[in-house]
């Protein structure tokens, strides 16, 4: 895979999602940047990519009623501007979250789709030499513009839970820093992402009739995500290990994540990628190894960790470059 294509993937953005209001977490979903050299600057050009995540809890359907997915199309413009030697890269992403009921019958949950506020932001990325790079990210999810609260409804029309995504009651201000080493086919990357909220947050409009307090206000916890990558390229293939997690700063009883999400979670897994020529694809799977999220087992009555399995798929396509990459040129492929 060329430098252009994987570096474009370094700008992939996804969003946080929850199974119910009691599993609130960061708007930026943990793990969105694993497998990507997010510290490496992107060559000038325009890029499109799409990231898809599917999450399923290990709890039985009688306890946790939905699986959750997210789809994020991203358009990236890596500009010719390089102030102080760092490339300016602009991006926009309109994410969508989905929930899928795991039970049939009248008490099963209907499928839903939820709009997340469009993300607009920029990256300032530096090539430090010797295959090291570092980048700074800043932006905002415009939830006050088009974020959706989401309401879970049973197949029989009865109210189940709302809002599905209380964190979308506030614009989410996102800041990040990443460092990458990309020599000899390696991608060793660490990425820290902070989400800051206007808390308490409130949705516009009125409460949904007969669905309780869907407007707010909701007390939201600022949070920090950590994404880790250690992969190696062998020809057109890439393979390696990944890890990611999140830490919530406020777990008081007043916050939207007080029950369920707790302090956070951490997952480990593996990744495989392949260069198809016209595009690059990556797939990875991870499972929670520790989680503060809890649920009560209906069979035993005991509180257990709500561990989750997540499957990801990403496609990266270069649309335009004023200086097309040459596959045989060492400076373009040495990082990947």
Protein backbone atom coordinates (compact mmCIF):
# COMPACT_ATOMS: atom_id res chain seq x y z
CA UNK A 1 0.00 0.00 0.00
CA UNK A 2 1.38 3.43 -0.84
CA UNK A 3 2.14 6.25 1.51
CA UNK A 4 -0.72 8.29 0.03
CA UNK A 5 -3.39 5.69 0.74
CA UNK A 6 -2.52 4.65 4.27
CA UNK A 7 -1.72 8.19 5.34
CA UNK A 8 -5.18 9.16 4.10
CA UNK A 9 -6.55 6.53 6.41
CA UNK A 10 -4.78 8.25 9.28
CA UNK A 11 -7.52 10.87 9.07
CA UNK A 12 -10.37 8.37 9.39
CA UNK A 13 -12.96 9.59 11.86
CA UNK A 14 -15.69 7.66 13.57
CA UNK A 15 -18.02 8.58 16.35
CA UNK A 16 -19.03 7.21 19.72
CA UNK A 17 -22.22 5.24 20.16
CA UNK A 18 -24.09 3.63 23.02
CA UNK A 19 -26.47 0.73 23.43
CA UNK A 20 -28.67 2.75 25.78
CA UNK A 21 -28.47 6.05 27.60
CA UNK A 22 -26.72 4.32 30.49
CA UNK A 23 -23.71 3.40 28.35
CA UNK A 24 -22.63 6.90 27.41
CA UNK A 25 -19.04 7.35 26.30
CA UNK A 26 -17.00 9.77 24.20
CA UNK A 27 -18.45 11.01 20.93
CA UNK A 28 -15.19 9.84 19.32
CA UNK A 29 -15.39 6.07 19.61
CA UNK A 30 -12.30 4.37 21.07
CA UNK A 31 -10.40 2.47 18.39
CA UNK A 32 -11.27 4.70 15.45
CA UNK A 33 -7.62 5.40 14.63
CA UNK A 34 -5.90 2.08 15.32
CA UNK A 35 -4.10 0.59 12.35
CA UNK A 36 -3.36 4.04 10.96
CA UNK A 37 -0.15 6.06 10.99
CA UNK A 38 -1.91 9.10 12.43
CA UNK A 39 1.35 10.89 13.16
CA UNK A 40 2.46 10.86 9.50
CA UNK A 41 1.72 13.88 7.28
CA UNK A 42 -0.46 13.24 4.23
CA UNK A 43 0.82 14.16 0.74
CA UNK A 44 -1.06 16.97 -1.00
CA UNK A 45 -4.30 15.81 -2.56
CA UNK A 46 -7.93 14.85 -1.99
CA UNK A 47 -8.92 11.54 -0.40
CA UNK A 48 -12.13 9.68 0.43
CA UNK A 49 -12.49 6.92 2.98
CA UNK A 50 -15.17 5.05 4.83
CA UNK A 51 -14.98 3.40 8.25
CA UNK A 52 -17.61 0.96 9.51
CA UNK A 53 -17.86 -0.49 13.03
CA UNK A 54 -20.18 -3.20 14.35
CA UNK A 55 -20.37 -3.78 18.11
CA UNK A 56 -22.11 -6.61 19.93
CA UNK A 57 -22.21 -7.10 23.72
CA UNK A 58 -21.37 -10.47 25.23
CA UNK A 59 -24.43 -10.21 27.51
CA UNK A 60 -27.44 -12.34 26.60
CA UNK A 61 -30.20 -10.71 24.49
CA UNK A 62 -32.44 -10.75 27.55
CA UNK A 63 -30.11 -8.28 29.24
CA UNK A 64 -28.80 -6.13 26.41
CA UNK A 65 -31.31 -5.62 23.63
CA UNK A 66 -29.31 -4.05 20.80
CA UNK A 67 -26.18 -4.29 18.72
CA UNK A 68 -24.70 -0.97 17.57
CA UNK A 69 -22.98 0.10 14.34
CA UNK A 70 -21.53 3.29 12.94
CA UNK A 71 -20.73 4.37 9.38
CA UNK A 72 -18.52 7.37 8.65
CA UNK A 73 -17.76 8.68 5.15
CA UNK A 74 -14.86 11.15 5.25
CA UNK A 75 -13.57 13.67 2.71
CA UNK A 76 -10.02 14.96 3.25
CA UNK A 77 -8.17 17.81 1.58
CA UNK A 78 -4.46 17.78 2.25
CA UNK A 79 -3.60 21.35 1.36
CA UNK A 80 -0.36 22.73 -0.09
CA UNK A 81 0.05 24.82 3.09
CA UNK A 82 3.02 23.80 5.26
CA UNK A 83 3.50 26.49 7.94
CA UNK A 84 6.61 25.84 10.03
CA UNK A 85 7.09 22.64 8.04
CA UNK A 86 3.79 21.03 9.07
CA UNK A 87 1.14 20.05 6.52
CA UNK A 88 -2.35 21.52 6.99
CA UNK A 89 -5.08 18.94 6.31
CA UNK A 90 -8.82 19.77 6.35
CA UNK A 91 -11.60 17.23 6.72
CA UNK A 92 -15.34 16.78 7.05
CA UNK A 93 -17.29 13.70 8.18
CA UNK A 94 -21.09 13.18 8.54
CA UNK A 95 -21.40 10.06 10.74
CA UNK A 96 -24.47 7.88 11.27
CA UNK A 97 -25.13 5.49 14.17
CA UNK A 98 -27.42 2.46 13.93
CA UNK A 99 -28.98 0.17 16.52
CA UNK A 100 -30.25 -3.34 15.77
CA UNK A 101 -32.65 -5.19 18.04
CA UNK A 102 -31.39 -8.65 19.03
CA UNK A 103 -34.80 -10.05 20.00
CA UNK A 104 -37.91 -10.72 17.93
CA UNK A 105 -41.45 -10.53 19.21
CA UNK A 106 -43.38 -7.61 20.72
CA UNK A 107 -40.78 -6.78 23.38
CA UNK A 108 -37.86 -6.77 20.97
CA UNK A 109 -36.37 -3.42 19.99
CA UNK A 110 -36.91 -1.76 16.63
CA UNK A 111 -33.89 -0.87 14.51
CA UNK A 112 -32.95 2.82 14.50
CA UNK A 113 -30.62 5.24 12.74
CA UNK A 114 -29.25 8.35 14.44
CA UNK A 115 -27.49 11.37 12.95
CA UNK A 116 -24.34 12.53 14.71
CA UNK A 117 -23.36 16.18 14.32
CA UNK A 118 -21.13 16.67 11.26
CA UNK A 119 -17.45 16.76 12.20
CA UNK A 120 -15.31 19.58 10.79
CA UNK A 121 -11.68 19.92 11.70
CA UNK A 122 -8.07 20.09 10.71
CA UNK A 123 -4.71 18.42 11.30
CA UNK A 124 -1.23 19.94 11.50
CA UNK A 125 1.20 17.10 10.70
CA UNK A 126 5.01 17.10 10.78
CA UNK A 127 7.60 14.76 9.29
CA UNK A 128 10.40 14.78 11.88
CA UNK A 129 12.75 12.65 9.80
CA UNK A 130 14.13 9.16 10.40
CA UNK A 131 10.61 7.74 9.88
CA UNK A 132 9.12 9.63 12.82
CA UNK A 133 6.07 11.88 12.55
CA UNK A 134 3.79 13.80 14.87
CA UNK A 135 0.43 15.49 14.34
CA UNK A 136 -2.03 17.74 16.16
CA UNK A 137 -5.79 17.58 15.55
CA UNK A 138 -8.55 20.03 16.42
CA UNK A 139 -12.20 20.12 15.47
CA UNK A 140 -15.82 19.93 16.56
CA UNK A 141 -18.82 17.63 16.12
CA UNK A 142 -21.66 20.09 15.35
CA UNK A 143 -24.27 18.29 17.42
CA UNK A 144 -26.17 21.52 18.11
CA UNK A 145 -26.66 21.79 14.33
CA UNK A 146 -27.82 18.30 13.39
CA UNK A 147 -27.20 15.86 16.24
CA UNK A 148 -30.06 13.46 17.03
CA UNK A 149 -31.11 12.25 20.50
CA UNK A 150 -32.33 8.79 19.42
CA UNK A 151 -35.22 6.88 21.02
CA UNK A 152 -35.43 3.11 21.49
CA UNK A 153 -38.92 1.67 20.95
CA UNK A 154 -40.17 -1.89 21.33
CA UNK A 155 -41.82 -3.65 18.39
CA UNK A 156 -45.17 -3.20 20.14
CA UNK A 157 -44.65 0.59 20.24
CA UNK A 158 -43.80 0.80 23.93
CA UNK A 159 -41.03 3.16 25.09
CA UNK A 160 -37.72 1.45 25.89
CA UNK A 161 -35.02 4.11 26.44
CA UNK A 162 -34.10 7.66 25.48
CA UNK A 163 -31.94 9.34 24.57
CA UNK A 164 -29.70 6.70 22.99
CA UNK A 165 -26.85 9.22 22.67
CA UNK A 166 -27.06 11.83 25.45
CA UNK A 167 -23.59 13.14 24.57
CA UNK A 168 -25.05 14.55 21.34
CA UNK A 169 -26.95 17.13 23.39
CA UNK A 170 -23.75 19.21 23.23
CA UNK A 171 -21.27 20.16 20.55
CA UNK A 172 -18.21 17.96 21.11
CA UNK A 173 -14.83 19.68 20.93
CA UNK A 174 -12.15 17.24 19.85
CA UNK A 175 -8.40 17.58 20.32
CA UNK A 176 -5.73 15.01 19.57
CA UNK A 177 -2.02 14.34 19.38
CA UNK A 178 -0.38 11.38 17.63
CA UNK A 179 3.10 10.03 17.11
CA UNK A 180 4.17 7.42 14.55
CA UNK A 181 7.24 5.42 13.59
CA UNK A 182 6.92 3.99 10.08
CA UNK A 183 10.32 2.60 9.14
CA UNK A 184 11.02 -0.81 7.57
CA UNK A 185 7.35 -1.56 6.99
CA UNK A 186 6.38 -0.99 10.60
CA UNK A 187 3.53 1.17 11.84
CA UNK A 188 4.05 1.90 15.53
CA UNK A 189 1.56 4.58 16.52
CA UNK A 190 0.08 6.02 19.71
CA UNK A 191 -2.84 8.45 19.54
CA UNK A 192 -4.47 10.44 22.35
CA UNK A 193 -7.90 12.01 21.72
CA UNK A 194 -9.76 14.29 24.12
CA UNK A 195 -13.50 15.05 23.96
CA UNK A 196 -14.68 18.20 25.75
CA UNK A 197 -18.38 19.01 26.24
CA UNK A 198 -20.56 22.02 27.03
CA UNK A 199 -22.07 20.41 30.11
CA UNK A 200 -24.85 20.17 31.01
CA UNK A 201 -26.16 19.73 27.46
CA UNK A 202 -29.70 20.06 26.18
CA UNK A 203 -31.36 19.00 22.92
CA UNK A 204 -33.40 21.59 21.02
CA UNK A 205 -37.19 21.35 20.87
CA UNK A 206 -39.49 19.62 23.32
CA UNK A 207 -39.53 16.20 24.93
CA UNK A 208 -40.95 13.40 22.78
CA UNK A 209 -44.55 12.74 23.85
CA UNK A 210 -44.81 9.77 26.26
CA UNK A 211 -41.04 9.13 26.08
CA UNK A 212 -39.87 10.84 29.25
CA UNK A 213 -37.02 13.34 29.42
CA UNK A 214 -35.47 13.16 25.97
CA UNK A 215 -34.42 16.82 25.95
CA UNK A 216 -32.21 17.13 29.03
CA UNK A 217 -30.25 18.73 30.51
CA UNK A 218 -27.69 15.93 30.67
CA UNK A 219 -24.43 16.16 32.61
CA UNK A 220 -21.64 14.92 30.32
CA UNK A 221 -18.18 13.71 31.27
CA UNK A 222 -15.08 14.92 29.42
CA UNK A 223 -13.01 11.91 28.38
CA UNK A 224 -9.70 10.74 26.93
CA UNK A 225 -9.18 7.94 24.39
CA UNK A 226 -5.95 6.03 23.71
CA UNK A 227 -5.43 4.13 20.42
CA UNK A 228 -2.34 1.91 19.98
CA UNK A 229 -1.03 0.20 16.84
CA UNK A 230 1.85 -2.23 16.14
CA UNK A 231 1.62 -3.64 12.59
CA UNK A 232 4.08 -4.82 9.93
CA UNK A 233 3.74 -4.87 6.15
CA UNK A 234 4.68 -7.95 4.10
CA UNK A 235 4.33 -7.12 0.42
CA UNK A 236 0.73 -6.11 -0.15
CA UNK A 237 -0.37 -7.53 3.21
CA UNK A 238 -0.30 -5.82 6.58
CA UNK A 239 -0.80 -7.60 9.90
CA UNK A 240 -0.39 -6.75 13.54
CA UNK A 241 -1.81 -6.07 17.00
CA UNK A 242 -4.02 -3.24 18.21
CA UNK A 243 -5.33 -1.91 21.51
CA UNK A 244 -7.62 0.93 22.49
CA UNK A 245 -9.62 2.30 25.38
CA UNK A 246 -11.32 5.28 26.97
CA UNK A 247 -11.22 7.04 30.35
CA UNK A 248 -14.14 9.10 31.69
CA UNK A 249 -13.16 11.89 34.09
CA UNK A 250 -16.53 12.27 35.82
CA UNK A 251 -18.41 9.23 37.11
CA UNK A 252 -20.59 11.00 39.64
CA UNK A 253 -24.24 10.00 39.97
CA UNK A 254 -25.31 13.08 38.00
CA UNK A 255 -23.49 12.16 34.78
CA UNK A 256 -24.98 10.34 31.80
CA UNK A 257 -22.32 7.64 32.12
CA UNK A 258 -22.68 7.13 35.88
CA UNK A 259 -24.32 3.72 35.48
CA UNK A 260 -22.86 1.27 33.01
CA UNK A 261 -19.92 3.05 31.42
CA UNK A 262 -18.14 3.96 34.66
CA UNK A 263 -14.50 4.97 34.31
CA UNK A 264 -14.13 3.34 30.91
CA UNK A 265 -12.88 0.26 29.08
CA UNK A 266 -9.91 -1.21 27.18
CA UNK A 267 -9.86 -3.70 24.28
CA UNK A 268 -7.19 -5.77 22.50
CA UNK A 269 -7.26 -7.37 19.07
CA UNK A 270 -5.64 -7.91 15.69
CA UNK A 271 -5.63 -6.25 12.26
CA UNK A 272 -5.09 -7.32 8.65
CA UNK A 273 -4.84 -5.05 5.61
CA UNK A 274 -4.38 -5.44 1.86
CA UNK A 275 -3.46 -3.16 -1.03
CA UNK A 276 -5.85 -3.86 -3.93
CA UNK A 277 -4.24 -1.29 -6.19
CA UNK A 278 -7.06 1.22 -6.71
CA UNK A 279 -7.87 1.20 -3.01
CA UNK A 280 -6.64 -0.11 0.32
CA UNK A 281 -8.75 -2.08 2.81
CA UNK A 282 -8.27 -2.87 6.48
CA UNK A 283 -10.23 -5.11 8.83
CA UNK A 284 -9.73 -5.59 12.55
CA UNK A 285 -11.46 -7.20 15.49
CA UNK A 286 -11.07 -6.44 19.19
CA UNK A 287 -12.60 -7.63 22.46
CA UNK A 288 -12.77 -5.87 25.82
CA UNK A 289 -10.25 -7.19 28.32
CA UNK A 290 -11.49 -4.86 31.07
CA UNK A 291 -14.61 -2.74 31.38
CA UNK A 292 -16.31 -0.66 34.05
CA UNK A 293 -19.65 -1.14 32.25
CA UNK A 294 -21.91 -3.51 34.19
CA UNK A 295 -25.12 -5.44 33.71
CA UNK A 296 -27.18 -7.75 35.92
CA UNK A 297 -27.38 -11.36 34.74
CA UNK A 298 -31.07 -12.36 34.76
CA UNK A 299 -30.11 -15.99 35.42
CA UNK A 300 -27.88 -15.44 38.45
CA UNK A 301 -28.87 -11.96 39.60
CA UNK A 302 -25.19 -11.04 39.80
CA UNK A 303 -23.54 -7.91 38.40
CA UNK A 304 -21.05 -8.69 35.65
CA UNK A 305 -18.73 -6.77 33.34
CA UNK A 306 -20.47 -5.80 30.10
CA UNK A 307 -17.68 -6.94 27.77
CA UNK A 308 -18.08 -6.24 24.06
CA UNK A 309 -16.72 -7.51 20.74
CA UNK A 310 -16.12 -5.01 17.93
CA UNK A 311 -15.48 -5.65 14.22
CA UNK A 312 -14.20 -2.86 11.98
CA UNK A 313 -13.80 -2.40 8.22
CA UNK A 314 -12.13 0.50 6.43
CA UNK A 315 -11.66 1.47 2.76
CA UNK A 316 -9.25 4.22 1.65
CA UNK A 317 -9.41 5.72 -1.88
CA UNK A 318 -7.21 8.54 -3.27
CA UNK A 319 -9.26 10.86 -5.49
CA UNK A 320 -6.69 13.40 -6.64
CA UNK A 321 -3.02 14.23 -6.22
CA UNK A 322 -1.03 16.91 -8.07
CA UNK A 323 2.03 14.65 -7.86
CA UNK A 324 0.86 11.01 -8.17
CA UNK A 325 2.82 8.50 -6.12
CA UNK A 326 5.18 6.12 -7.92
CA UNK A 327 4.99 2.66 -6.37
CA UNK A 328 8.70 2.01 -6.91
CA UNK A 329 9.85 5.28 -5.38
CA UNK A 330 11.53 4.46 -2.07
CA UNK A 331 10.65 7.78 -0.34
CA UNK A 332 6.96 7.02 -0.86
CA UNK A 333 6.87 3.45 0.35
CA UNK A 334 9.56 3.37 3.01
CA UNK A 335 7.05 4.13 5.77
CA UNK A 336 4.65 1.39 4.86
